[in-house]
Amino acid sequence: MSLPTPPTSPSLEIPPGLDVVYANLARISHSPADIVIDFAHILPGDTKATVKARVLMSPLSAKLLVRALTENIARYESAFGEITIPTNTSLAENLFRPHQPPEPPKDAKA
């Protein structure tokens, strides 16, 4: 009796000319049968973003995507440090303000 062969990941073929889409905004909606994720890019000061890609998934596939993203973000943070989520309320302020160096510890000497 032989052991079952472990499943292998499918090989992905990226077609020539495939458009790459950068998104800094995602809108998620759902129906009983589908999860829809719209990806868009918005610039500072704009109030309207155009959807550049729409991904339609089954709820099971979406849940597996969440699991895969969670695992990959954990690996990323292990390698590069924690990703901090800004506390500002403005999307544009979070995404487009100039980089602010961290404040020195309060007990540091000036």
PDB file of N, CA and C in Angstrom:
ATOM      1  N   MET A   1       0.841  -1.181   0.000  1.00  0.00           N
ATOM      2  CA  MET A   1       0.000   0.000   0.000  1.00  0.00           C
ATOM      3  C   MET A   1       0.885   1.242   0.000  1.00  0.00           C
ATOM      4  N   SER A   2       0.674   2.147  -0.956  1.00  0.00           N
ATOM      5  CA  SER A   2       1.494   3.350  -1.041  1.00  0.00           C
ATOM      6  C   SER A   2       0.751   4.522  -0.409  1.00  0.00           C
ATOM      7  N   LEU A   3       1.555   5.476   0.056  1.00  0.00           N
ATOM      8  CA  LEU A   3       0.980   6.671   0.657  1.00  0.00           C
ATOM      9  C   LEU A   3       0.439   7.576  -0.442  1.00  0.00           C
ATOM     10  N   PRO A   4      -0.626   8.309  -0.139  1.00  0.00           N
ATOM     11  CA  PRO A   4      -1.157   9.223  -1.169  1.00  0.00           C
ATOM     12  C   PRO A   4      -0.144  10.329  -1.471  1.00  0.00           C
ATOM     13  N   THR A   5      -0.107  10.728  -2.703  1.00  0.00           N
ATOM     14  CA  THR A   5       0.790  11.805  -3.125  1.00  0.00           C
ATOM     15  C   THR A   5       0.223  13.129  -2.632  1.00  0.00           C
ATOM     16  N   PRO A   6       1.063  13.948  -1.969  1.00  0.00           N
ATOM     17  CA  PRO A   6       0.540  15.236  -1.507  1.00  0.00           C
ATOM     18  C   PRO A   6       0.138  16.103  -2.693  1.00  0.00           C
ATOM     19  N   PRO A   7      -0.902  16.920  -2.514  1.00  0.00           N
ATOM     20  CA  PRO A   7      -1.326  17.774  -3.636  1.00  0.00           C
ATOM     21  C   PRO A   7      -0.233  18.786  -3.972  1.00  0.00           C
ATOM     22  N   THR A   8      -0.145  19.119  -5.225  1.00  0.00           N
ATOM     23  CA  THR A   8       0.830  20.115  -5.671  1.00  0.00           C
ATOM     24  C   THR A   8       0.090  21.381  -6.079  1.00  0.00           C
ATOM     25  N   SER A   9       0.760  22.493  -5.955  1.00  0.00           N
ATOM     26  CA  SER A   9       0.164  23.758  -6.377  1.00  0.00           C
ATOM     27  C   SER A   9       0.160  23.804  -7.896  1.00  0.00           C
ATOM     28  N   PRO A  10      -0.886  24.393  -8.459  1.00  0.00           N
ATOM     29  CA  PRO A  10      -0.884  24.520  -9.923  1.00  0.00           C
ATOM     30  C   PRO A  10       0.186  25.510 -10.360  1.00  0.00           C
ATOM     31  N   SER A  11       0.745  25.290 -11.526  1.00  0.00           N
ATOM     32  CA  SER A  11       1.691  26.283 -12.038  1.00  0.00           C
ATOM     33  C   SER A  11       0.872  27.411 -12.658  1.00  0.00           C
ATOM     34  N   LEU A  12       1.298  28.630 -12.411  1.00  0.00           N
ATOM     35  CA  LEU A  12       0.582  29.790 -12.930  1.00  0.00           C
ATOM     36  C   LEU A  12       1.309  30.318 -14.150  1.00  0.00           C
ATOM     37  N   GLU A  13       0.575  30.565 -15.185  1.00  0.00           N
ATOM     38  CA  GLU A  13       1.140  31.153 -16.393  1.00  0.00           C
ATOM     39  C   GLU A  13       0.685  32.598 -16.469  1.00  0.00           C
ATOM     40  N   ILE A  14       1.635  33.507 -16.553  1.00  0.00           N
ATOM     41  CA  ILE A  14       1.318  34.924 -16.675  1.00  0.00           C
ATOM     42  C   ILE A  14       1.409  35.288 -18.149  1.00  0.00           C
ATOM     43  N   PRO A  15       0.276  35.643 -18.741  1.00  0.00           N
ATOM     44  CA  PRO A  15       0.301  35.919 -20.182  1.00  0.00           C
ATOM     45  C   PRO A  15       1.088  37.191 -20.496  1.00  0.00           C
ATOM     46  N   PRO A  16       1.755  37.210 -21.652  1.00  0.00           N
ATOM     47  CA  PRO A  16       2.473  38.424 -22.054  1.00  0.00           C
ATOM     48  C   PRO A  16       1.488  39.586 -22.168  1.00  0.00           C
ATOM     49  N   GLY A  17       1.921  40.756 -21.747  1.00  0.00           N
ATOM     50  CA  GLY A  17       1.069  41.933 -21.877  1.00  0.00           C
ATOM     51  C   GLY A  17       0.044  42.085 -20.759  1.00  0.00           C
ATOM     52  N   LEU A  18       0.097  41.225 -19.749  1.00  0.00           N
ATOM     53  CA  LEU A  18      -0.849  41.340 -18.642  1.00  0.00           C
ATOM     54  C   LEU A  18      -0.648  42.685 -17.949  1.00  0.00           C
ATOM     55  N   ASP A  19      -1.729  43.437 -17.785  1.00  0.00           N
ATOM     56  CA  ASP A  19      -1.639  44.725 -17.111  1.00  0.00           C
ATOM     57  C   ASP A  19      -1.458  44.518 -15.614  1.00  0.00           C
ATOM     58  N   VAL A  20      -0.494  45.230 -15.042  1.00  0.00           N
ATOM     59  CA  VAL A  20      -0.284  45.229 -13.599  1.00  0.00           C
ATOM     60  C   VAL A  20      -1.074  46.401 -13.035  1.00  0.00           C
ATOM     61  N   VAL A  21      -1.820  46.169 -11.978  1.00  0.00           N
ATOM     62  CA  VAL A  21      -2.662  47.199 -11.387  1.00  0.00           C
ATOM     63  C   VAL A  21      -2.171  47.492  -9.979  1.00  0.00           C
ATOM     64  N   TYR A  22      -1.886  48.761  -9.694  1.00  0.00           N
ATOM     65  CA  TYR A  22      -1.563  49.186  -8.331  1.00  0.00           C
ATOM     66  C   TYR A  22      -2.851  49.674  -7.693  1.00  0.00           C
ATOM     67  N   ALA A  23      -3.127  49.206  -6.490  1.00  0.00           N
ATOM     68  CA  ALA A  23      -4.331  49.636  -5.782  1.00  0.00           C
ATOM     69  C   ALA A  23      -3.967  50.073  -4.370  1.00  0.00           C
ATOM     70  N   ASN A  24      -4.533  51.191  -3.962  1.00  0.00           N
ATOM     71  CA  ASN A  24      -4.409  51.617  -2.574  1.00  0.00           C
ATOM     72  C   ASN A  24      -5.785  51.754  -1.933  1.00  0.00           C
ATOM     73  N   LEU A  25      -6.774  51.214  -2.627  1.00  0.00           N
ATOM     74  CA  LEU A  25      -8.151  51.243  -2.144  1.00  0.00           C
ATOM     75  C   LEU A  25      -8.852  49.978  -2.618  1.00  0.00           C
ATOM     76  N   ALA A  26      -9.540  49.328  -1.725  1.00  0.00           N
ATOM     77  CA  ALA A  26     -10.317  48.145  -2.094  1.00  0.00           C
ATOM     78  C   ALA A  26     -11.703  48.267  -1.470  1.00  0.00           C
ATOM     79  N   ARG A  27     -12.710  47.910  -2.230  1.00  0.00           N
ATOM     80  CA  ARG A  27     -14.084  47.880  -1.724  1.00  0.00           C
ATOM     81  C   ARG A  27     -14.556  46.439  -1.830  1.00  0.00           C
ATOM     82  N   ILE A  28     -15.104  45.933  -0.747  1.00  0.00           N
ATOM     83  CA  ILE A  28     -15.537  44.539  -0.703  1.00  0.00           C
ATOM     84  C   ILE A  28     -17.041  44.502  -0.493  1.00  0.00           C
ATOM     85  N   SER A  29     -17.716  43.715  -1.312  1.00  0.00           N
ATOM     86  CA  SER A  29     -19.154  43.501  -1.150  1.00  0.00           C
ATOM     87  C   SER A  29     -19.428  42.022  -1.366  1.00  0.00           C
ATOM     88  N   HIS A  30     -20.656  41.608  -1.084  1.00  0.00           N
ATOM     89  CA  HIS A  30     -20.964  40.182  -1.225  1.00  0.00           C
ATOM     90  C   HIS A  30     -22.443  39.956  -1.491  1.00  0.00           C
ATOM     91  N   SER A  31     -22.698  38.786  -2.020  1.00  0.00           N
ATOM     92  CA  SER A  31     -24.054  38.256  -2.167  1.00  0.00           C
ATOM     93  C   SER A  31     -24.026  36.907  -1.458  1.00  0.00           C
ATOM     94  N   PRO A  32     -25.130  36.193  -1.388  1.00  0.00           N
ATOM     95  CA  PRO A  32     -25.068  34.878  -0.746  1.00  0.00           C
ATOM     96  C   PRO A  32     -24.090  33.910  -1.420  1.00  0.00           C
ATOM     97  N   ALA A  33     -23.794  34.122  -2.701  1.00  0.00           N
ATOM     98  CA  ALA A  33     -22.960  33.166  -3.433  1.00  0.00           C
ATOM     99  C   ALA A  33     -21.557  33.668  -3.746  1.00  0.00           C
ATOM    100  N   ASP A  34     -21.320  34.983  -3.665  1.00  0.00           N
ATOM    101  CA  ASP A  34     -20.057  35.529  -4.143  1.00  0.00           C
ATOM    102  C   ASP A  34     -19.519  36.611  -3.217  1.00  0.00           C
ATOM    103  N   ILE A  35     -18.190  36.770  -3.235  1.00  0.00           N
ATOM    104  CA  ILE A  35     -17.505  37.907  -2.629  1.00  0.00           C
ATOM    105  C   ILE A  35     -16.903  38.693  -3.798  1.00  0.00           C
ATOM    106  N   VAL A  36     -17.119  39.993  -3.821  1.00  0.00           N
ATOM    107  CA  VAL A  36     -16.611  40.844  -4.892  1.00  0.00           C
ATOM    108  C   VAL A  36     -15.635  41.844  -4.275  1.00  0.00           C
ATOM    109  N   ILE A  37     -14.427  41.900  -4.851  1.00  0.00           N
ATOM    110  CA  ILE A  37     -13.422  42.860  -4.392  1.00  0.00           C
ATOM    111  C   ILE A  37     -13.078  43.763  -5.571  1.00  0.00           C
ATOM    112  N   ASP A  38     -13.375  45.050  -5.412  1.00  0.00           N
ATOM    113  CA  ASP A  38     -13.014  46.054  -6.409  1.00  0.00           C
ATOM    114  C   ASP A  38     -11.734  46.741  -5.942  1.00  0.00           C
ATOM    115  N   PHE A  39     -10.754  46.827  -6.836  1.00  0.00           N
ATOM    116  CA  PHE A  39      -9.476  47.467  -6.536  1.00  0.00           C
ATOM    117  C   PHE A  39      -9.389  48.776  -7.312  1.00  0.00           C
ATOM    118  N   ALA A  40      -8.960  49.842  -6.614  1.00  0.00           N
ATOM    119  CA  ALA A  40      -8.859  51.157  -7.234  1.00  0.00           C
ATOM    120  C   ALA A  40      -7.611  51.858  -6.731  1.00  0.00           C
ATOM    121  N   HIS A  41      -7.296  52.955  -7.387  1.00  0.00           N
ATOM    122  CA  HIS A  41      -6.164  53.805  -6.997  1.00  0.00           C
ATOM    123  C   HIS A  41      -6.711  55.215  -6.872  1.00  0.00           C
ATOM    124  N   ILE A  42      -6.478  55.844  -5.718  1.00  0.00           N
ATOM    125  CA  ILE A  42      -6.967  57.199  -5.497  1.00  0.00           C
ATOM    126  C   ILE A  42      -5.779  58.101  -5.166  1.00  0.00           C
ATOM    127  N   LEU A  43      -5.809  59.306  -5.690  1.00  0.00           N
ATOM    128  CA  LEU A  43      -4.743  60.282  -5.472  1.00  0.00           C
ATOM    129  C   LEU A  43      -5.146  61.268  -4.392  1.00  0.00           C
ATOM    130  N   PRO A  44      -4.170  61.909  -3.762  1.00  0.00           N
ATOM    131  CA  PRO A  44      -4.492  62.900  -2.731  1.00  0.00           C
ATOM    132  C   PRO A  44      -5.394  63.991  -3.288  1.00  0.00           C
ATOM    133  N   GLY A  45      -6.385  64.356  -2.521  1.00  0.00           N
ATOM    134  CA  GLY A  45      -7.296  65.416  -2.928  1.00  0.00           C
ATOM    135  C   GLY A  45      -8.438  64.953  -3.808  1.00  0.00           C
ATOM    136  N   ASP A  46      -8.328  63.773  -4.396  1.00  0.00           N
ATOM    137  CA  ASP A  46      -9.419  63.254  -5.224  1.00  0.00           C
ATOM    138  C   ASP A  46     -10.535  62.721  -4.340  1.00  0.00           C
ATOM    139  N   THR A  47     -11.749  62.831  -4.845  1.00  0.00           N
ATOM    140  CA  THR A  47     -12.890  62.275  -4.123  1.00  0.00           C
ATOM    141  C   THR A  47     -13.506  61.110  -4.877  1.00  0.00           C
ATOM    142  N   LYS A  48     -12.955  60.818  -6.054  1.00  0.00           N
ATOM    143  CA  LYS A  48     -13.488  59.742  -6.884  1.00  0.00           C
ATOM    144  C   LYS A  48     -12.337  58.856  -7.341  1.00  0.00           C
ATOM    145  N   ALA A  49     -12.535  57.550  -7.209  1.00  0.00           N
ATOM    146  CA  ALA A  49     -11.536  56.584  -7.673  1.00  0.00           C
ATOM    147  C   ALA A  49     -12.189  55.678  -8.706  1.00  0.00           C
ATOM    148  N   THR A  50     -11.445  55.337  -9.737  1.00  0.00           N
ATOM    149  CA  THR A  50     -11.938  54.439 -10.773  1.00  0.00           C
ATOM    150  C   THR A  50     -11.472  53.024 -10.475  1.00  0.00           C
ATOM    151  N   VAL A  51     -12.404  52.087 -10.522  1.00  0.00           N
ATOM    152  CA  VAL A  51     -12.059  50.684 -10.302  1.00  0.00           C
ATOM    153  C   VAL A  51     -11.188  50.229 -11.465  1.00  0.00           C
ATOM    154  N   LYS A  52     -10.022  49.644 -11.137  1.00  0.00           N
ATOM    155  CA  LYS A  52      -9.083  49.170 -12.149  1.00  0.00           C
ATOM    156  C   LYS A  52      -9.140  47.662 -12.320  1.00  0.00           C
ATOM    157  N   ALA A  53      -9.634  46.948 -11.296  1.00  0.00           N
ATOM    158  CA  ALA A  53      -9.752  45.491 -11.383  1.00  0.00           C
ATOM    159  C   ALA A  53     -10.863  45.042 -10.441  1.00  0.00           C
ATOM    160  N   ARG A  54     -11.590  44.038 -10.845  1.00  0.00           N
ATOM    161  CA  ARG A  54     -12.641  43.452 -10.012  1.00  0.00           C
ATOM    162  C   ARG A  54     -12.377  41.953  -9.941  1.00  0.00           C
ATOM    163  N   VAL A  55     -12.347  41.440  -8.713  1.00  0.00           N
ATOM    164  CA  VAL A  55     -12.139  40.008  -8.494  1.00  0.00           C
ATOM    165  C   VAL A  55     -13.399  39.456  -7.852  1.00  0.00           C
ATOM    166  N   LEU A  56     -13.931  38.417  -8.451  1.00  0.00           N
ATOM    167  CA  LEU A  56     -15.131  37.741  -7.970  1.00  0.00           C
ATOM    168  C   LEU A  56     -14.717  36.370  -7.471  1.00  0.00           C
ATOM    169  N   MET A  57     -15.059  36.043  -6.216  1.00  0.00           N
ATOM    170  CA  MET A  57     -14.638  34.776  -5.613  1.00  0.00           C
ATOM    171  C   MET A  57     -15.801  34.117  -4.895  1.00  0.00           C
ATOM    172  N   SER A  58     -15.700  32.809  -4.742  1.00  0.00           N
ATOM    173  CA  SER A  58     -16.645  32.118  -3.877  1.00  0.00           C
ATOM    174  C   SER A  58     -16.295  32.461  -2.433  1.00  0.00           C
ATOM    175  N   PRO A  59     -17.246  32.366  -1.499  1.00  0.00           N
ATOM    176  CA  PRO A  59     -16.910  32.620  -0.096  1.00  0.00           C
ATOM    177  C   PRO A  59     -15.776  31.717   0.406  1.00  0.00           C
ATOM    178  N   LEU A  60     -15.736  30.459  -0.007  1.00  0.00           N
ATOM    179  CA  LEU A  60     -14.655  29.562   0.402  1.00  0.00           C
ATOM    180  C   LEU A  60     -13.312  30.069  -0.117  1.00  0.00           C
ATOM    181  N   SER A  61     -13.246  30.445  -1.391  1.00  0.00           N
ATOM    182  CA  SER A  61     -11.990  30.958  -1.947  1.00  0.00           C
ATOM    183  C   SER A  61     -11.566  32.241  -1.252  1.00  0.00           C
ATOM    184  N   ALA A  62     -12.521  33.102  -0.930  1.00  0.00           N
ATOM    185  CA  ALA A  62     -12.191  34.346  -0.228  1.00  0.00           C
ATOM    186  C   ALA A  62     -11.636  34.052   1.159  1.00  0.00           C
ATOM    187  N   LYS A  63     -12.215  33.077   1.853  1.00  0.00           N
ATOM    188  CA  LYS A  63     -11.718  32.731   3.191  1.00  0.00           C
ATOM    189  C   LYS A  63     -10.311  32.146   3.100  1.00  0.00           C
ATOM    190  N   LEU A  64     -10.051  31.340   2.083  1.00  0.00           N
ATOM    191  CA  LEU A  64      -8.705  30.807   1.887  1.00  0.00           C
ATOM    192  C   LEU A  64      -7.720  31.922   1.535  1.00  0.00           C
ATOM    193  N   LEU A  65      -8.173  32.927   0.785  1.00  0.00           N
ATOM    194  CA  LEU A  65      -7.333  34.080   0.480  1.00  0.00           C
ATOM    195  C   LEU A  65      -6.973  34.835   1.757  1.00  0.00           C
ATOM    196  N   VAL A  66      -7.959  35.028   2.639  1.00  0.00           N
ATOM    197  CA  VAL A  66      -7.691  35.698   3.918  1.00  0.00           C
ATOM    198  C   VAL A  66      -6.633  34.923   4.701  1.00  0.00           C
ATOM    199  N   ARG A  67      -6.754  33.611   4.731  1.00  0.00           N
ATOM    200  CA  ARG A  67      -5.769  32.777   5.440  1.00  0.00           C
ATOM    201  C   ARG A  67      -4.386  32.945   4.824  1.00  0.00           C
ATOM    202  N   ALA A  68      -4.307  32.895   3.491  1.00  0.00           N
ATOM    203  CA  ALA A  68      -3.014  33.028   2.809  1.00  0.00           C
ATOM    204  C   ALA A  68      -2.409  34.411   3.043  1.00  0.00           C
ATOM    205  N   LEU A  69      -3.230  35.457   2.995  1.00  0.00           N
ATOM    206  CA  LEU A  69      -2.722  36.811   3.258  1.00  0.00           C
ATOM    207  C   LEU A  69      -2.219  36.932   4.691  1.00  0.00           C
ATOM    208  N   THR A  70      -2.960  36.372   5.644  1.00  0.00           N
ATOM    209  CA  THR A  70      -2.555  36.424   7.048  1.00  0.00           C
ATOM    210  C   THR A  70      -1.207  35.741   7.246  1.00  0.00           C
ATOM    211  N   GLU A  71      -1.034  34.565   6.646  1.00  0.00           N
ATOM    212  CA  GLU A  71       0.240  33.848   6.760  1.00  0.00           C
ATOM    213  C   GLU A  71       1.381  34.631   6.111  1.00  0.00           C
ATOM    214  N   ASN A  72       1.123  35.219   4.936  1.00  0.00           N
ATOM    215  CA  ASN A  72       2.169  35.962   4.237  1.00  0.00           C
ATOM    216  C   ASN A  72       2.530  37.251   4.958  1.00  0.00           C
ATOM    217  N   ILE A  73       1.561  37.932   5.537  1.00  0.00           N
ATOM    218  CA  ILE A  73       1.865  39.152   6.292  1.00  0.00           C
ATOM    219  C   ILE A  73       2.669  38.806   7.538  1.00  0.00           C
ATOM    220  N   ALA A  74       2.343  37.687   8.188  1.00  0.00           N
ATOM    221  CA  ALA A  74       3.122  37.259   9.360  1.00  0.00           C
ATOM    222  C   ALA A  74       4.571  36.986   8.957  1.00  0.00           C
ATOM    223  N   ARG A  75       4.793  36.334   7.822  1.00  0.00           N
ATOM    224  CA  ARG A  75       6.157  36.078   7.346  1.00  0.00           C
ATOM    225  C   ARG A  75       6.869  37.383   6.998  1.00  0.00           C
ATOM    226  N   TYR A  76       6.149  38.291   6.352  1.00  0.00           N
ATOM    227  CA  TYR A  76       6.722  39.592   6.001  1.00  0.00           C
ATOM    228  C   TYR A  76       7.158  40.321   7.267  1.00  0.00           C
ATOM    229  N   GLU A  77       6.285  40.368   8.282  1.00  0.00           N
ATOM    230  CA  GLU A  77       6.619  41.080   9.515  1.00  0.00           C
ATOM    231  C   GLU A  77       7.758  40.395  10.270  1.00  0.00           C
ATOM    232  N   SER A  78       7.872  39.084  10.165  1.00  0.00           N
ATOM    233  CA  SER A  78       9.005  38.386  10.778  1.00  0.00           C
ATOM    234  C   SER A  78      10.310  38.813  10.136  1.00  0.00           C
ATOM    235  N   ALA A  79      10.278  39.038   8.835  1.00  0.00           N
ATOM    236  CA  ALA A  79      11.488  39.406   8.104  1.00  0.00           C
ATOM    237  C   ALA A  79      11.787  40.901   8.177  1.00  0.00           C
ATOM    238  N   PHE A  80      10.763  41.749   8.146  1.00  0.00           N
ATOM    239  CA  PHE A  80      10.982  43.183   7.977  1.00  0.00           C
ATOM    240  C   PHE A  80      10.443  44.047   9.115  1.00  0.00           C
ATOM    241  N   GLY A  81       9.812  43.461  10.097  1.00  0.00           N
ATOM    242  CA  GLY A  81       9.251  44.236  11.203  1.00  0.00           C
ATOM    243  C   GLY A  81       7.764  44.453  11.048  1.00  0.00           C
ATOM    244  N   GLU A  82       7.162  44.850  12.145  1.00  0.00           N
ATOM    245  CA  GLU A  82       5.705  45.024  12.185  1.00  0.00           C
ATOM    246  C   GLU A  82       5.244  46.146  11.265  1.00  0.00           C
ATOM    247  N   ILE A  83       4.151  45.908  10.584  1.00  0.00           N
ATOM    248  CA  ILE A  83       3.505  46.924   9.765  1.00  0.00           C
ATOM    249  C   ILE A  83       2.578  47.687  10.704  1.00  0.00           C
ATOM    250  N   THR A  84       2.817  48.981  10.846  1.00  0.00           N
ATOM    251  CA  THR A  84       1.960  49.761  11.731  1.00  0.00           C
ATOM    252  C   THR A  84       0.822  50.380  10.925  1.00  0.00           C
ATOM    253  N   ILE A  85      -0.349  50.328  11.497  1.00  0.00           N
ATOM    254  CA  ILE A  85      -1.520  50.894  10.844  1.00  0.00           C
ATOM    255  C   ILE A  85      -1.698  52.311  11.390  1.00  0.00           C
ATOM    256  N   PRO A  86      -1.722  53.317  10.513  1.00  0.00           N
ATOM    257  CA  PRO A  86      -1.869  54.698  10.972  1.00  0.00           C
ATOM    258  C   PRO A  86      -3.182  54.887  11.723  1.00  0.00           C
ATOM    259  N   THR A  87      -3.179  55.827  12.649  1.00  0.00           N
ATOM    260  CA  THR A  87      -4.380  56.086  13.438  1.00  0.00           C
ATOM    261  C   THR A  87      -5.169  57.271  12.932  1.00  0.00           C
ATOM    262  N   ASN A  88      -4.668  57.963  11.908  1.00  0.00           N
ATOM    263  CA  ASN A  88      -5.400  59.115  11.352  1.00  0.00           C
ATOM    264  C   ASN A  88      -6.721  58.632  10.764  1.00  0.00           C
ATOM    265  N   THR A  89      -7.659  59.531  10.653  1.00  0.00           N
ATOM    266  CA  THR A  89      -8.965  59.150  10.120  1.00  0.00           C
ATOM    267  C   THR A  89      -9.090  59.405   8.626  1.00  0.00           C
ATOM    268  N   SER A  90      -8.195  60.177   8.045  1.00  0.00           N
ATOM    269  CA  SER A  90      -8.281  60.512   6.634  1.00  0.00           C
ATOM    270  C   SER A  90      -7.484  59.524   5.796  1.00  0.00           C
ATOM    271  N   LEU A  91      -8.134  58.901   4.824  1.00  0.00           N
ATOM    272  CA  LEU A  91      -7.442  57.968   3.933  1.00  0.00           C
ATOM    273  C   LEU A  91      -6.272  58.663   3.243  1.00  0.00           C
ATOM    274  N   ALA A  92      -6.510  59.840   2.702  1.00  0.00           N
ATOM    275  CA  ALA A  92      -5.451  60.563   1.993  1.00  0.00           C
ATOM    276  C   ALA A  92      -4.298  60.888   2.940  1.00  0.00           C
ATOM    277  N   GLU A  93      -4.603  61.289   4.171  1.00  0.00           N
ATOM    278  CA  GLU A  93      -3.553  61.613   5.133  1.00  0.00           C
ATOM    279  C   GLU A  93      -2.731  60.369   5.459  1.00  0.00           C
ATOM    280  N   ASN A  94      -3.398  59.214   5.593  1.00  0.00           N
ATOM    281  CA  ASN A  94      -2.700  57.963   5.873  1.00  0.00           C
ATOM    282  C   ASN A  94      -1.785  57.568   4.731  1.00  0.00           C
ATOM    283  N   LEU A  95      -2.238  57.753   3.516  1.00  0.00           N
ATOM    284  CA  LEU A  95      -1.499  57.247   2.364  1.00  0.00           C
ATOM    285  C   LEU A  95      -0.463  58.220   1.823  1.00  0.00           C
ATOM    286  N   PHE A  96      -0.688  59.524   1.949  1.00  0.00           N
ATOM    287  CA  PHE A  96       0.107  60.464   1.176  1.00  0.00           C
ATOM    288  C   PHE A  96       0.861  61.508   1.986  1.00  0.00           C
ATOM    289  N   ARG A  97       0.806  61.470   3.290  1.00  0.00           N
ATOM    290  CA  ARG A  97       1.572  62.453   4.055  1.00  0.00           C
ATOM    291  C   ARG A  97       3.059  62.114   3.951  1.00  0.00           C
ATOM    292  N   PRO A  98       3.921  63.119   4.079  1.00  0.00           N
ATOM    293  CA  PRO A  98       5.361  62.836   4.025  1.00  0.00           C
ATOM    294  C   PRO A  98       5.760  61.890   5.159  1.00  0.00           C
ATOM    295  N   HIS A  99       6.817  61.138   4.919  1.00  0.00           N
ATOM    296  CA  HIS A  99       7.311  60.206   5.934  1.00  0.00           C
ATOM    297  C   HIS A  99       7.711  60.968   7.181  1.00  0.00           C
ATOM    298  N   GLN A 100       7.262  60.494   8.320  1.00  0.00           N
ATOM    299  CA  GLN A 100       7.608  61.095   9.604  1.00  0.00           C
ATOM    300  C   GLN A 100       8.519  60.129  10.348  1.00  0.00           C
ATOM    301  N   PRO A 101       9.742  60.556  10.702  1.00  0.00           N
ATOM    302  CA  PRO A 101      10.597  59.658  11.481  1.00  0.00           C
ATOM    303  C   PRO A 101       9.980  59.438  12.852  1.00  0.00           C
ATOM    304  N   PRO A 102      10.250  58.298  13.481  1.00  0.00           N
ATOM    305  CA  PRO A 102       9.682  58.052  14.801  1.00  0.00           C
ATOM    306  C   PRO A 102      10.212  59.061  15.810  1.00  0.00           C
ATOM    307  N   GLU A 103       9.364  59.378  16.772  1.00  0.00           N
ATOM    308  CA  GLU A 103       9.786  60.301  17.832  1.00  0.00           C
ATOM    309  C   GLU A 103      10.786  59.601  18.720  1.00  0.00           C
ATOM    310  N   PRO A 104      11.800  60.349  19.230  1.00  0.00           N
ATOM    311  CA  PRO A 104      12.771  59.697  20.147  1.00  0.00           C
ATOM    312  C   PRO A 104      12.069  59.340  21.453  1.00  0.00           C
ATOM    313  N   PRO A 105      12.565  58.319  22.155  1.00  0.00           N
ATOM    314  CA  PRO A 105      11.960  57.960  23.440  1.00  0.00           C
ATOM    315  C   PRO A 105      11.976  59.162  24.385  1.00  0.00           C
ATOM    316  N   LYS A 106      10.952  59.254  25.233  1.00  0.00           N
ATOM    317  CA  LYS A 106      10.822  60.399  26.131  1.00  0.00           C
ATOM    318  C   LYS A 106      11.954  60.495  27.124  1.00  0.00           C
ATOM    319  N   ASP A 107      12.590  59.373  27.460  1.00  0.00           N
ATOM    320  CA  ASP A 107      13.682  59.400  28.432  1.00  0.00           C
ATOM    321  C   ASP A 107      15.033  59.671  27.775  1.00  0.00           C
ATOM    322  N   ALA A 108      15.063  59.901  26.447  1.00  0.00           N
ATOM    323  CA  ALA A 108      16.319  60.181  25.738  1.00  0.00           C
ATOM    324  C   ALA A 108      16.776  61.595  26.063  1.00  0.00           C
ATOM    325  N   LYS A 109      18.082  61.759  26.139  1.00  0.00           N
ATOM    326  CA  LYS A 109      18.638  63.090  26.416  1.00  0.00           C
ATOM    327  C   LYS A 109      18.724  63.878  25.128  1.00  0.00           C
ATOM    328  N   ALA A 110      18.384  65.153  25.199  1.00  0.00           N
ATOM    329  CA  ALA A 110      18.394  66.010  24.001  1.00  0.00           C
ATOM    330  C   ALA A 110      19.775  66.534  23.707  1.00  0.00           C
TER     331      ALA A 110
END
